Amino acid sequence: MKITEEVMSDLLPLYFVNECSSDTKTLVEEYFQEHPKFEQQSRQKYKDLFSEKDVPSLMPTEEVRALKSTRRWMKVRSFVLAFAIFCSLCPFSYYHTDNGSAFLFLEHPSEALIYVPFAVVFWGIYFGIKQKLRTG
């Protein structure tokens, strides 16, 4: 199959920004060797358009931003869940002294109840984040 100048012209933008496969790069370079005048015209035409400093960096798409935001919120939700569980279970923990072991809630209910407001707050935050992630 004969490769025409039009086919090469279609491949040149990818070649000059180095976004083509190695086979395509080889094909273009072989074509340049066979057609030096075409190479000179192409390099002149694309030299200003595709210099490395002029190629804009790709902006993150809306999907990528949404994915990163969702990942971040899921991490936060995991930490909040851990604190909510911790604060919920602390009143039911026990401690050990020389006199023996005792449940915190039974022996010192006022100290055990300190954890309850924190647990309520963390559970509220957790369910708020969960709802936010569900609705988008």
Protein backbone atom coordinates (compact mmCIF):
# COMPACT_ATOMS: atom_id res chain seq x y z
CA MET A 1 0.00 0.00 0.00
CA LYS A 2 1.33 3.39 -0.96
CA ILE A 3 1.25 6.03 1.75
CA THR A 4 0.11 9.34 0.41
CA GLU A 5 1.10 12.81 1.47
CA GLU A 6 -2.39 13.33 2.89
CA VAL A 7 -1.99 10.34 5.22
CA MET A 8 1.35 11.71 6.37
CA SER A 9 -0.18 15.13 6.92
CA ASP A 10 -2.74 13.50 9.22
CA LEU A 11 0.03 11.85 11.24
CA LEU A 12 2.31 14.86 11.55
CA PRO A 13 0.61 16.57 14.50
CA LEU A 14 0.97 13.39 16.58
CA TYR A 15 4.54 12.93 15.41
CA PHE A 16 5.62 16.44 16.32
CA VAL A 17 4.15 16.35 19.82
CA ASN A 18 5.63 12.87 20.30
CA GLU A 19 2.25 11.25 21.01
CA CYS A 20 2.43 8.50 18.39
CA SER A 21 3.52 4.89 18.61
CA SER A 22 7.06 3.86 17.73
CA ASP A 23 5.79 2.23 14.51
CA THR A 24 4.12 5.46 13.42
CA LYS A 25 7.26 7.40 14.28
CA THR A 26 9.34 5.02 12.16
CA LEU A 27 6.86 5.29 9.29
CA VAL A 28 6.96 9.09 9.32
CA GLU A 29 10.76 9.17 9.51
CA GLU A 30 11.06 6.74 6.58
CA TYR A 31 8.67 8.90 4.60
CA PHE A 32 10.80 11.94 5.45
CA GLN A 33 13.91 10.16 4.14
CA GLU A 34 12.16 9.36 0.87
CA HIS A 35 10.65 12.86 0.56
CA PRO A 36 13.10 15.46 1.96
CA LYS A 37 11.16 18.37 0.48
CA PHE A 38 8.00 17.25 2.31
CA GLU A 39 10.01 16.95 5.53
CA GLN A 40 11.36 20.47 5.17
CA GLN A 41 7.88 21.89 4.50
CA SER A 42 6.38 19.94 7.40
CA ARG A 43 9.02 20.97 9.90
CA GLN A 44 8.65 24.59 8.83
CA LYS A 45 4.86 24.41 9.11
CA TYR A 46 4.75 22.67 12.49
CA LYS A 47 7.83 24.16 14.13
CA ASP A 48 5.92 27.04 15.71
CA LEU A 49 2.72 25.14 16.35
CA PHE A 50 4.18 22.22 18.25
CA SER A 51 7.23 23.46 20.05
CA GLU A 52 7.33 21.97 23.53
CA LYS A 53 6.87 25.28 25.29
CA ASP A 54 3.72 26.01 23.29
CA VAL A 55 1.95 22.72 23.99
CA PRO A 56 -0.56 23.44 26.73
CA SER A 57 -0.73 21.12 29.66
CA LEU A 58 -3.92 19.14 29.81
CA MET A 59 -6.51 20.50 32.19
CA PRO A 60 -8.19 17.97 34.41
CA THR A 61 -11.62 17.13 33.17
CA GLU A 62 -14.72 17.41 35.28
CA GLU A 63 -14.77 13.64 35.74
CA VAL A 64 -11.23 13.56 37.12
CA ARG A 65 -12.02 16.38 39.54
CA ALA A 66 -15.17 14.58 40.68
CA LEU A 67 -13.24 11.35 41.19
CA LYS A 68 -10.53 13.08 43.26
CA SER A 69 -13.14 14.88 45.33
CA THR A 70 -15.02 11.64 45.96
CA ARG A 71 -11.84 9.85 47.01
CA ARG A 72 -10.98 12.66 49.42
CA TRP A 73 -14.46 12.62 50.97
CA MET A 74 -14.35 8.83 51.31
CA LYS A 75 -11.07 9.10 53.23
CA VAL A 76 -12.55 11.72 55.53
CA ARG A 77 -15.65 9.57 55.98
CA SER A 78 -13.47 6.60 57.00
CA PHE A 79 -11.66 8.61 59.67
CA VAL A 80 -14.91 10.07 60.98
CA LEU A 81 -16.41 6.57 61.15
CA ALA A 82 -13.40 5.34 63.14
CA PHE A 83 -13.79 8.19 65.66
CA ALA A 84 -17.56 7.64 65.87
CA ILE A 85 -17.11 3.96 66.66
CA PHE A 86 -14.34 4.71 69.15
CA CYS A 87 -16.42 7.31 71.01
CA SER A 88 -19.46 5.02 70.96
CA LEU A 89 -17.60 2.09 72.47
CA CYS A 90 -15.48 3.94 75.04
CA PRO A 91 -18.28 4.18 77.67
CA PHE A 92 -18.57 0.38 77.54
CA SER A 93 -14.86 -0.24 78.06
CA TYR A 94 -13.33 -1.53 81.22
CA TYR A 95 -10.22 -0.65 83.10
CA HIS A 96 -7.92 -2.60 85.36
CA THR A 97 -6.56 -1.52 88.73
CA ASP A 98 -4.92 -3.29 91.64
CA ASN A 99 -8.39 -3.96 93.05
CA GLY A 100 -9.53 -5.72 89.85
CA SER A 101 -11.29 -4.88 86.61
CA ALA A 102 -14.40 -2.77 86.29
CA PHE A 103 -16.59 -1.34 83.54
CA LEU A 104 -16.16 2.38 83.05
CA PHE A 105 -19.89 2.98 82.65
CA LEU A 106 -20.79 1.15 85.88
CA GLU A 107 -18.05 2.54 88.12
CA HIS A 108 -17.73 6.09 86.73
CA PRO A 109 -20.83 6.94 84.66
CA SER A 110 -20.09 10.67 84.53
CA GLU A 111 -16.68 10.02 82.96
CA ALA A 112 -18.17 7.50 80.57
CA LEU A 113 -20.85 9.94 79.42
CA ILE A 114 -18.18 12.42 78.31
CA TYR A 115 -17.77 10.33 75.16
CA VAL A 116 -21.47 10.38 74.22
CA PRO A 117 -21.65 13.95 72.80
CA PHE A 118 -18.52 13.29 70.75
CA ALA A 119 -20.03 10.07 69.43
CA VAL A 120 -23.24 11.89 68.46
CA VAL A 121 -21.29 14.60 66.65
CA PHE A 122 -19.08 12.13 64.78
CA TRP A 123 -22.08 10.00 63.79
CA GLY A 124 -23.84 13.13 62.52
CA ILE A 125 -20.82 14.12 60.47
CA TYR A 126 -20.48 10.56 59.16
CA PHE A 127 -24.08 10.36 57.97
CA GLY A 128 -23.86 13.86 56.50
CA ILE A 129 -20.80 12.88 54.44
CA LYS A 130 -22.48 9.62 53.46
CA GLN A 131 -25.51 11.54 52.19
CA LYS A 132 -23.28 14.01 50.35
CA LEU A 133 -21.47 11.18 48.58
CA ARG A 134 -24.75 9.55 47.65
CA THR A 135 -26.33 12.65 46.12
CA GLY A 136 -23.16 13.91 44.46
